[in-house]
């Protein structure tokens, strides 16, 4: 996952592939939910870190579900 950050910016998992799978309810680029996408800048650093830690598992689950 790509993490972009400049001196005053907020770390983000965005990879500029923005498409929300309506069945899964997550962006297939970064695997955040619609709520997380909308509230990202309002979350604390700890909240964002917790979400980012969950993203690899979401991606794995999404890819496994697509195989089925």
PDB file of N, CA and C in Angstrom:
ATOM      1  N   UNK A   1       0.822  -1.171   0.000  1.00  0.00           N
ATOM      2  CA  UNK A   1       0.000   0.000   0.000  1.00  0.00           C
ATOM      3  C   UNK A   1       0.872   1.241   0.000  1.00  0.00           C
ATOM      4  N   UNK A   2       0.476   2.232  -0.740  1.00  0.00           N
ATOM      5  CA  UNK A   2       1.215   3.474  -0.837  1.00  0.00           C
ATOM      6  C   UNK A   2       0.767   4.414   0.272  1.00  0.00           C
ATOM      7  N   UNK A   3       1.705   5.010   0.957  1.00  0.00           N
ATOM      8  CA  UNK A   3       1.397   5.966   2.009  1.00  0.00           C
ATOM      9  C   UNK A   3       2.041   7.290   1.639  1.00  0.00           C
ATOM     10  N   UNK A   4       1.223   8.302   1.453  1.00  0.00           N
ATOM     11  CA  UNK A   4       1.740   9.611   1.082  1.00  0.00           C
ATOM     12  C   UNK A   4       1.701  10.528   2.276  1.00  0.00           C
ATOM     13  N   UNK A   5       2.773  11.305   2.399  1.00  0.00           N
ATOM     14  CA  UNK A   5       2.813  12.215   3.523  1.00  0.00           C
ATOM     15  C   UNK A   5       3.818  13.317   3.239  1.00  0.00           C
ATOM     16  N   UNK A   6       3.393  14.544   3.395  1.00  0.00           N
ATOM     17  CA  UNK A   6       4.322  15.660   3.341  1.00  0.00           C
ATOM     18  C   UNK A   6       4.356  16.270   4.733  1.00  0.00           C
ATOM     19  N   UNK A   7       5.090  17.295   4.892  1.00  0.00           N
ATOM     20  CA  UNK A   7       5.319  17.861   6.215  1.00  0.00           C
ATOM     21  C   UNK A   7       4.028  18.122   7.003  1.00  0.00           C
ATOM     22  N   UNK A   8       3.018  18.696   6.368  1.00  0.00           N
ATOM     23  CA  UNK A   8       1.787  19.057   7.079  1.00  0.00           C
ATOM     24  C   UNK A   8       0.582  18.233   6.635  1.00  0.00           C
ATOM     25  N   UNK A   9       0.806  17.153   5.936  1.00  0.00           N
ATOM     26  CA  UNK A   9      -0.329  16.385   5.445  1.00  0.00           C
ATOM     27  C   UNK A   9      -0.649  15.216   6.368  1.00  0.00           C
ATOM     28  N   UNK A  10      -1.809  14.652   6.122  1.00  0.00           N
ATOM     29  CA  UNK A  10      -2.281  13.496   6.873  1.00  0.00           C
ATOM     30  C   UNK A  10      -1.913  12.251   6.086  1.00  0.00           C
ATOM     31  N   UNK A  11      -1.360  11.264   6.762  1.00  0.00           N
ATOM     32  CA  UNK A  11      -1.027   9.995   6.099  1.00  0.00           C
ATOM     33  C   UNK A  11      -2.303   9.366   5.562  1.00  0.00           C
ATOM     34  N   UNK A  12      -2.215   8.830   4.357  1.00  0.00           N
ATOM     35  CA  UNK A  12      -3.378   8.232   3.720  1.00  0.00           C
ATOM     36  C   UNK A  12      -2.988   6.968   2.952  1.00  0.00           C
ATOM     37  N   UNK A  13      -3.876   5.989   2.899  1.00  0.00           N
ATOM     38  CA  UNK A  13      -3.607   4.794   2.107  1.00  0.00           C
ATOM     39  C   UNK A  13      -4.067   4.936   0.654  1.00  0.00           C
ATOM     40  N   UNK A  14      -4.530   6.113   0.280  1.00  0.00           N
ATOM     41  CA  UNK A  14      -5.069   6.329  -1.061  1.00  0.00           C
ATOM     42  C   UNK A  14      -4.024   6.025  -2.128  1.00  0.00           C
ATOM     43  N   UNK A  15      -4.430   5.266  -3.139  1.00  0.00           N
ATOM     44  CA  UNK A  15      -3.565   4.954  -4.273  1.00  0.00           C
ATOM     45  C   UNK A  15      -4.149   5.532  -5.571  1.00  0.00           C
ATOM     46  N   UNK A  16      -5.109   6.437  -5.436  1.00  0.00           N
ATOM     47  CA  UNK A  16      -5.773   7.120  -6.541  1.00  0.00           C
ATOM     48  C   UNK A  16      -6.443   6.157  -7.513  1.00  0.00           C
ATOM     49  N   UNK A  17      -6.970   5.063  -6.975  1.00  0.00           N
ATOM     50  CA  UNK A  17      -7.825   4.129  -7.702  1.00  0.00           C
ATOM     51  C   UNK A  17      -9.131   4.133  -6.919  1.00  0.00           C
ATOM     52  N   UNK A  18      -9.980   5.092  -7.215  1.00  0.00           N
ATOM     53  CA  UNK A  18     -11.169   5.330  -6.402  1.00  0.00           C
ATOM     54  C   UNK A  18     -12.408   4.718  -7.044  1.00  0.00           C
ATOM     55  N   UNK A  19     -12.764   3.547  -6.555  1.00  0.00           N
ATOM     56  CA  UNK A  19     -13.981   2.865  -6.984  1.00  0.00           C
ATOM     57  C   UNK A  19     -14.501   2.078  -5.796  1.00  0.00           C
ATOM     58  N   UNK A  20     -15.708   2.390  -5.381  1.00  0.00           N
ATOM     59  CA  UNK A  20     -16.311   1.684  -4.260  1.00  0.00           C
ATOM     60  C   UNK A  20     -17.152   0.535  -4.803  1.00  0.00           C
ATOM     61  N   UNK A  21     -16.790  -0.673  -4.390  1.00  0.00           N
ATOM     62  CA  UNK A  21     -17.562  -1.853  -4.755  1.00  0.00           C
ATOM     63  C   UNK A  21     -18.841  -1.815  -3.927  1.00  0.00           C
ATOM     64  N   UNK A  22     -19.997  -1.663  -4.577  1.00  0.00           N
ATOM     65  CA  UNK A  22     -21.238  -1.516  -3.811  1.00  0.00           C
ATOM     66  C   UNK A  22     -21.595  -2.734  -2.966  1.00  0.00           C
ATOM     67  N   UNK A  23     -21.226  -3.922  -3.417  1.00  0.00           N
ATOM     68  CA  UNK A  23     -21.510  -5.128  -2.622  1.00  0.00           C
ATOM     69  C   UNK A  23     -20.633  -5.195  -1.386  1.00  0.00           C
ATOM     70  N   UNK A  24     -19.361  -4.926  -1.550  1.00  0.00           N
ATOM     71  CA  UNK A  24     -18.416  -5.018  -0.436  1.00  0.00           C
ATOM     72  C   UNK A  24     -18.444  -3.769   0.435  1.00  0.00           C
ATOM     73  N   UNK A  25     -18.823  -2.646  -0.144  1.00  0.00           N
ATOM     74  CA  UNK A  25     -18.875  -1.401   0.612  1.00  0.00           C
ATOM     75  C   UNK A  25     -17.519  -0.803   0.916  1.00  0.00           C
ATOM     76  N   UNK A  26     -16.521  -1.161   0.110  1.00  0.00           N
ATOM     77  CA  UNK A  26     -15.174  -0.608   0.309  1.00  0.00           C
ATOM     78  C   UNK A  26     -14.608  -0.130  -1.020  1.00  0.00           C
ATOM     79  N   UNK A  27     -13.693   0.811  -0.941  1.00  0.00           N
ATOM     80  CA  UNK A  27     -12.950   1.265  -2.108  1.00  0.00           C
ATOM     81  C   UNK A  27     -11.978   0.154  -2.487  1.00  0.00           C
ATOM     82  N   UNK A  28     -11.952  -0.233  -3.749  1.00  0.00           N
ATOM     83  CA  UNK A  28     -11.069  -1.319  -4.166  1.00  0.00           C
ATOM     84  C   UNK A  28      -9.634  -0.842  -4.395  1.00  0.00           C
ATOM     85  N   UNK A  29      -9.378   0.422  -4.196  1.00  0.00           N
ATOM     86  CA  UNK A  29      -8.018   0.945  -4.259  1.00  0.00           C
ATOM     87  C   UNK A  29      -7.341   0.912  -2.903  1.00  0.00           C
ATOM     88  N   UNK A  30      -8.065   1.371  -1.878  1.00  0.00           N
ATOM     89  CA  UNK A  30      -7.455   1.481  -0.542  1.00  0.00           C
ATOM     90  C   UNK A  30      -8.163   0.632   0.519  1.00  0.00           C
ATOM     91  N   UNK A  31      -9.343   0.139   0.208  1.00  0.00           N
ATOM     92  CA  UNK A  31     -10.128  -0.739   1.080  1.00  0.00           C
ATOM     93  C   UNK A  31     -10.699  -0.047   2.315  1.00  0.00           C
ATOM     94  N   UNK A  32     -10.866   1.279   2.215  1.00  0.00           N
ATOM     95  CA  UNK A  32     -11.597   2.002   3.257  1.00  0.00           C
ATOM     96  C   UNK A  32     -13.078   1.993   2.918  1.00  0.00           C
ATOM     97  N   UNK A  33     -13.912   2.096   3.966  1.00  0.00           N
ATOM     98  CA  UNK A  33     -15.354   2.174   3.772  1.00  0.00           C
ATOM     99  C   UNK A  33     -15.738   3.593   3.355  1.00  0.00           C
ATOM    100  N   UNK A  34     -16.967   3.758   2.919  1.00  0.00           N
ATOM    101  CA  UNK A  34     -17.449   5.095   2.557  1.00  0.00           C
ATOM    102  C   UNK A  34     -17.353   6.042   3.750  1.00  0.00           C
ATOM    103  N   UNK A  35     -17.732   5.564   4.926  1.00  0.00           N
ATOM    104  CA  UNK A  35     -17.653   6.405   6.119  1.00  0.00           C
ATOM    105  C   UNK A  35     -16.213   6.822   6.387  1.00  0.00           C
ATOM    106  N   UNK A  36     -15.301   5.875   6.275  1.00  0.00           N
ATOM    107  CA  UNK A  36     -13.889   6.186   6.519  1.00  0.00           C
ATOM    108  C   UNK A  36     -13.356   7.177   5.495  1.00  0.00           C
ATOM    109  N   UNK A  37     -13.755   7.008   4.245  1.00  0.00           N
ATOM    110  CA  UNK A  37     -13.331   7.952   3.211  1.00  0.00           C
ATOM    111  C   UNK A  37     -13.820   9.358   3.528  1.00  0.00           C
ATOM    112  N   UNK A  38     -15.071   9.465   3.910  1.00  0.00           N
ATOM    113  CA  UNK A  38     -15.664  10.764   4.186  1.00  0.00           C
ATOM    114  C   UNK A  38     -15.147  11.443   5.445  1.00  0.00           C
ATOM    115  N   UNK A  39     -14.761  10.662   6.424  1.00  0.00           N
ATOM    116  CA  UNK A  39     -14.334  11.221   7.708  1.00  0.00           C
ATOM    117  C   UNK A  39     -12.820  11.216   7.905  1.00  0.00           C
ATOM    118  N   UNK A  40     -12.064  10.779   6.919  1.00  0.00           N
ATOM    119  CA  UNK A  40     -10.627  10.547   7.074  1.00  0.00           C
ATOM    120  C   UNK A  40      -9.896  11.723   7.726  1.00  0.00           C
ATOM    121  N   UNK A  41     -10.144  12.930   7.275  1.00  0.00           N
ATOM    122  CA  UNK A  41      -9.419  14.091   7.819  1.00  0.00           C
ATOM    123  C   UNK A  41      -9.890  14.471   9.216  1.00  0.00           C
ATOM    124  N   UNK A  42     -11.014  13.939   9.632  1.00  0.00           N
ATOM    125  CA  UNK A  42     -11.543  14.248  10.965  1.00  0.00           C
ATOM    126  C   UNK A  42     -11.083  13.238  12.024  1.00  0.00           C
ATOM    127  N   UNK A  43     -10.586  12.087  11.590  1.00  0.00           N
ATOM    128  CA  UNK A  43     -10.105  11.075  12.530  1.00  0.00           C
ATOM    129  C   UNK A  43      -8.802  11.534  13.183  1.00  0.00           C
ATOM    130  N   UNK A  44      -8.575  11.058  14.379  1.00  0.00           N
ATOM    131  CA  UNK A  44      -7.292  11.319  15.043  1.00  0.00           C
ATOM    132  C   UNK A  44      -6.218  10.458  14.391  1.00  0.00           C
ATOM    133  N   UNK A  45      -4.958  10.758  14.687  1.00  0.00           N
ATOM    134  CA  UNK A  45      -3.858   9.946  14.159  1.00  0.00           C
ATOM    135  C   UNK A  45      -4.014   8.492  14.596  1.00  0.00           C
ATOM    136  N   UNK A  46      -4.425   8.275  15.843  1.00  0.00           N
ATOM    137  CA  UNK A  46      -4.609   6.908  16.347  1.00  0.00           C
ATOM    138  C   UNK A  46      -5.732   6.186  15.619  1.00  0.00           C
ATOM    139  N   UNK A  47      -6.824   6.883  15.352  1.00  0.00           N
ATOM    140  CA  UNK A  47      -7.940   6.268  14.621  1.00  0.00           C
ATOM    141  C   UNK A  47      -7.512   5.902  13.199  1.00  0.00           C
ATOM    142  N   UNK A  48      -6.805   6.808  12.537  1.00  0.00           N
ATOM    143  CA  UNK A  48      -6.326   6.511  11.184  1.00  0.00           C
ATOM    144  C   UNK A  48      -5.358   5.331  11.206  1.00  0.00           C
ATOM    145  N   UNK A  49      -4.476   5.289  12.198  1.00  0.00           N
ATOM    146  CA  UNK A  49      -3.513   4.180  12.293  1.00  0.00           C
ATOM    147  C   UNK A  49      -4.232   2.850  12.482  1.00  0.00           C
ATOM    148  N   UNK A  50      -5.292   2.831  13.283  1.00  0.00           N
ATOM    149  CA  UNK A  50      -6.053   1.597  13.505  1.00  0.00           C
ATOM    150  C   UNK A  50      -6.732   1.146  12.216  1.00  0.00           C
ATOM    151  N   UNK A  51      -7.274   2.084  11.476  1.00  0.00           N
ATOM    152  CA  UNK A  51      -7.921   1.744  10.203  1.00  0.00           C
ATOM    153  C   UNK A  51      -6.877   1.225   9.227  1.00  0.00           C
ATOM    154  N   UNK A  52      -5.745   1.900   9.144  1.00  0.00           N
ATOM    155  CA  UNK A  52      -4.699   1.481   8.214  1.00  0.00           C
ATOM    156  C   UNK A  52      -4.183   0.083   8.551  1.00  0.00           C
ATOM    157  N   UNK A  53      -4.145  -0.244   9.831  1.00  0.00           N
ATOM    158  CA  UNK A  53      -3.702  -1.580  10.245  1.00  0.00           C
ATOM    159  C   UNK A  53      -4.690  -2.654   9.800  1.00  0.00           C
ATOM    160  N   UNK A  54      -5.964  -2.285   9.677  1.00  0.00           N
ATOM    161  CA  UNK A  54      -7.001  -3.241   9.273  1.00  0.00           C
ATOM    162  C   UNK A  54      -7.074  -3.427   7.759  1.00  0.00           C
ATOM    163  N   UNK A  55      -6.516  -2.517   6.989  1.00  0.00           N
ATOM    164  CA  UNK A  55      -6.683  -2.545   5.534  1.00  0.00           C
ATOM    165  C   UNK A  55      -6.105  -3.786   4.850  1.00  0.00           C
ATOM    166  N   UNK A  56      -4.925  -4.263   5.219  1.00  0.00           N
ATOM    167  CA  UNK A  56      -4.424  -5.480   4.546  1.00  0.00           C
ATOM    168  C   UNK A  56      -5.363  -6.675   4.716  1.00  0.00           C
ATOM    169  N   UNK A  57      -5.957  -6.829   5.880  1.00  0.00           N
ATOM    170  CA  UNK A  57      -6.908  -7.912   6.109  1.00  0.00           C
ATOM    171  C   UNK A  57      -8.159  -7.744   5.273  1.00  0.00           C
ATOM    172  N   UNK A  58      -8.614  -6.511   5.141  1.00  0.00           N
ATOM    173  CA  UNK A  58      -9.782  -6.247   4.294  1.00  0.00           C
ATOM    174  C   UNK A  58      -9.481  -6.575   2.838  1.00  0.00           C
ATOM    175  N   UNK A  59      -8.295  -6.185   2.400  1.00  0.00           N
ATOM    176  CA  UNK A  59      -7.913  -6.473   1.018  1.00  0.00           C
ATOM    177  C   UNK A  59      -7.868  -7.982   0.779  1.00  0.00           C
ATOM    178  N   UNK A  60      -7.258  -8.718   1.697  1.00  0.00           N
ATOM    179  CA  UNK A  60      -7.197 -10.177   1.573  1.00  0.00           C
ATOM    180  C   UNK A  60      -8.593 -10.784   1.520  1.00  0.00           C
ATOM    181  N   UNK A  61      -9.473 -10.341   2.423  1.00  0.00           N
ATOM    182  CA  UNK A  61     -10.842 -10.870   2.466  1.00  0.00           C
ATOM    183  C   UNK A  61     -11.590 -10.529   1.180  1.00  0.00           C
ATOM    184  N   UNK A  62     -11.391  -9.318   0.669  1.00  0.00           N
ATOM    185  CA  UNK A  62     -12.047  -8.903  -0.567  1.00  0.00           C
ATOM    186  C   UNK A  62     -11.599  -9.784  -1.734  1.00  0.00           C
ATOM    187  N   UNK A  63     -10.317  -9.994  -1.849  1.00  0.00           N
ATOM    188  CA  UNK A  63      -9.774 -10.793  -2.956  1.00  0.00           C
ATOM    189  C   UNK A  63     -10.231 -12.256  -2.861  1.00  0.00           C
ATOM    190  N   UNK A  64     -10.287 -12.795  -1.655  1.00  0.00           N
ATOM    191  CA  UNK A  64     -10.774 -14.170  -1.464  1.00  0.00           C
ATOM    192  C   UNK A  64     -12.242 -14.281  -1.842  1.00  0.00           C
ATOM    193  N   UNK A  65     -13.036 -13.298  -1.449  1.00  0.00           N
ATOM    194  CA  UNK A  65     -14.466 -13.308  -1.787  1.00  0.00           C
ATOM    195  C   UNK A  65     -14.671 -13.220  -3.294  1.00  0.00           C
ATOM    196  N   UNK A  66     -13.823 -12.489  -3.979  1.00  0.00           N
ATOM    197  CA  UNK A  66     -13.933 -12.356  -5.435  1.00  0.00           C
ATOM    198  C   UNK A  66     -13.615 -13.667  -6.139  1.00  0.00           C
ATOM    199  N   UNK A  67     -12.748 -14.471  -5.534  1.00  0.00           N
ATOM    200  CA  UNK A  67     -12.396 -15.775  -6.126  1.00  0.00           C
ATOM    201  C   UNK A  67     -13.560 -16.759  -6.059  1.00  0.00           C
ATOM    202  N   UNK A  68     -14.377 -16.619  -5.015  1.00  0.00           N
ATOM    203  CA  UNK A  68     -15.478 -17.571  -4.775  1.00  0.00           C
ATOM    204  C   UNK A  68     -16.636 -17.391  -5.727  1.00  0.00           C
TER     205      UNK A  68
END
